[in-house]
Amino acid sequence: MSTSTWTMVVGAVAGLTLVVFGGGMLVTGRAPDATVRAFRSVRDAGLYHLLFGAGLALVVVGTALGGGIITVITAAIALVLVAIAVVRFRPRGHRRPLSSGK
């Protein structure tokens, strides 16, 4: 197996894992504690992971098909999905109270 092949396999597995993880959060309404702390809601966490995973999987599929325009179209769709994930559903973290300056 060549380096490019196993890299694509790893990318596809990572993308599909993120899709399943995000979809599982959306379906069950539950998420690991660390994930819940990083996002405003479980829905945001689920959509972030789902969109990021779908974008990664699309890049791998487009690269595997290797058909010029198909690769460009799948890459463009993947960029849109990742942009939505990063802009709309990005991790926000905890809001800490402002210190009183003492």
Protein backbone atom coordinates (compact mmCIF):
# COMPACT_ATOMS: atom_id res chain seq x y z
CA MET A 1 0.00 0.00 0.00
CA SER A 2 1.46 3.33 -1.06
CA THR A 3 1.79 6.31 1.23
CA SER A 4 -0.94 8.24 -0.58
CA THR A 5 -3.34 5.29 -0.31
CA TRP A 6 -2.96 4.78 3.42
CA THR A 7 -3.11 8.54 3.99
CA MET A 8 -6.44 8.64 2.16
CA VAL A 9 -7.69 5.65 4.14
CA VAL A 10 -6.73 7.34 7.42
CA GLY A 11 -8.42 10.57 6.27
CA ALA A 12 -11.59 8.72 5.27
CA VAL A 13 -11.73 6.85 8.58
CA ALA A 14 -11.18 10.08 10.52
CA GLY A 15 -13.90 11.86 8.53
CA LEU A 16 -16.40 9.05 8.96
CA THR A 17 -15.57 8.80 12.66
CA LEU A 18 -16.32 12.51 13.08
CA VAL A 19 -19.59 12.13 11.13
CA VAL A 20 -20.68 9.23 13.36
CA PHE A 21 -19.58 11.07 16.53
CA GLY A 22 -21.44 14.24 15.54
CA GLY A 23 -24.50 12.35 14.36
CA GLY A 24 -24.56 10.39 17.60
CA MET A 25 -24.57 13.61 19.61
CA LEU A 26 -27.42 15.00 17.51
CA VAL A 27 -29.50 11.83 17.82
CA THR A 28 -28.95 11.17 21.53
CA GLY A 29 -28.63 14.76 22.72
CA ARG A 30 -25.64 13.73 24.85
CA ALA A 31 -21.91 14.38 24.53
CA PRO A 32 -18.74 13.74 26.53
CA ASP A 33 -18.13 16.26 29.33
CA ALA A 34 -15.08 17.81 27.66
CA THR A 35 -17.06 18.35 24.46
CA VAL A 36 -20.00 19.88 26.33
CA ARG A 37 -17.64 22.30 28.10
CA ALA A 38 -16.11 23.44 24.80
CA PHE A 39 -19.36 24.22 22.98
CA ARG A 40 -22.41 26.31 23.76
CA SER A 41 -24.73 23.34 23.28
CA VAL A 42 -24.72 19.65 22.37
CA ARG A 43 -26.40 20.59 19.08
CA ASP A 44 -23.52 22.94 18.19
CA ALA A 45 -20.98 20.25 19.08
CA GLY A 46 -22.79 17.65 17.00
CA LEU A 47 -23.11 19.87 13.95
CA TYR A 48 -19.48 21.01 14.22
CA HIS A 49 -18.18 17.45 14.21
CA LEU A 50 -20.67 16.28 11.58
CA LEU A 51 -19.84 19.09 9.14
CA PHE A 52 -16.09 18.84 9.70
CA GLY A 53 -16.17 15.06 9.20
CA ALA A 54 -18.30 15.34 6.08
CA GLY A 55 -15.89 17.91 4.66
CA LEU A 56 -12.89 15.69 5.33
CA ALA A 57 -14.64 12.66 3.82
CA LEU A 58 -15.58 14.68 0.73
CA VAL A 59 -11.97 15.74 0.17
CA VAL A 60 -10.89 12.10 0.34
CA VAL A 61 -13.64 10.96 -2.03
CA GLY A 62 -12.87 13.76 -4.49
CA THR A 63 -9.18 12.90 -4.42
CA ALA A 64 -9.89 9.19 -4.88
CA LEU A 65 -12.10 9.84 -7.91
CA GLY A 66 -9.31 11.95 -9.40
CA GLY A 67 -11.42 13.34 -12.19
CA GLY A 68 -10.36 16.98 -12.44
CA ILE A 69 -13.66 18.83 -12.20
CA ILE A 70 -15.11 16.27 -9.76
CA THR A 71 -12.17 16.87 -7.42
CA VAL A 72 -12.62 20.64 -7.63
CA ILE A 73 -16.38 20.43 -6.97
CA THR A 74 -16.01 18.11 -3.98
CA ALA A 75 -13.21 20.30 -2.57
CA ALA A 76 -15.41 23.40 -2.94
CA ILE A 77 -18.33 21.70 -1.17
CA ALA A 78 -15.96 20.50 1.56
CA LEU A 79 -14.67 24.05 2.05
CA VAL A 80 -18.22 25.36 2.42
CA LEU A 81 -19.05 22.67 5.01
CA VAL A 82 -15.90 23.37 7.02
CA ALA A 83 -16.45 27.13 6.79
CA ILE A 84 -19.97 26.73 8.19
CA ALA A 85 -18.63 24.51 10.98
CA VAL A 86 -15.86 26.95 11.90
CA VAL A 87 -17.89 30.15 11.67
CA ARG A 88 -21.25 29.05 13.05
CA PHE A 89 -20.57 26.07 15.33
CA ARG A 90 -16.99 26.59 16.54
CA PRO A 91 -16.04 25.76 20.13
CA ARG A 92 -16.68 28.69 22.44
CA GLY A 93 -15.35 27.45 25.76
CA HIS A 94 -16.39 28.61 29.19
CA ARG A 95 -17.24 32.16 29.93
CA ARG A 96 -15.31 33.14 33.01
CA PRO A 97 -16.42 35.98 35.22
CA LEU A 98 -14.30 39.08 34.87
CA SER A 99 -11.87 39.58 37.69
CA SER A 100 -12.53 42.49 40.00
CA GLY A 101 -8.96 43.69 39.61
CA LYS A 102 -8.01 43.03 43.24
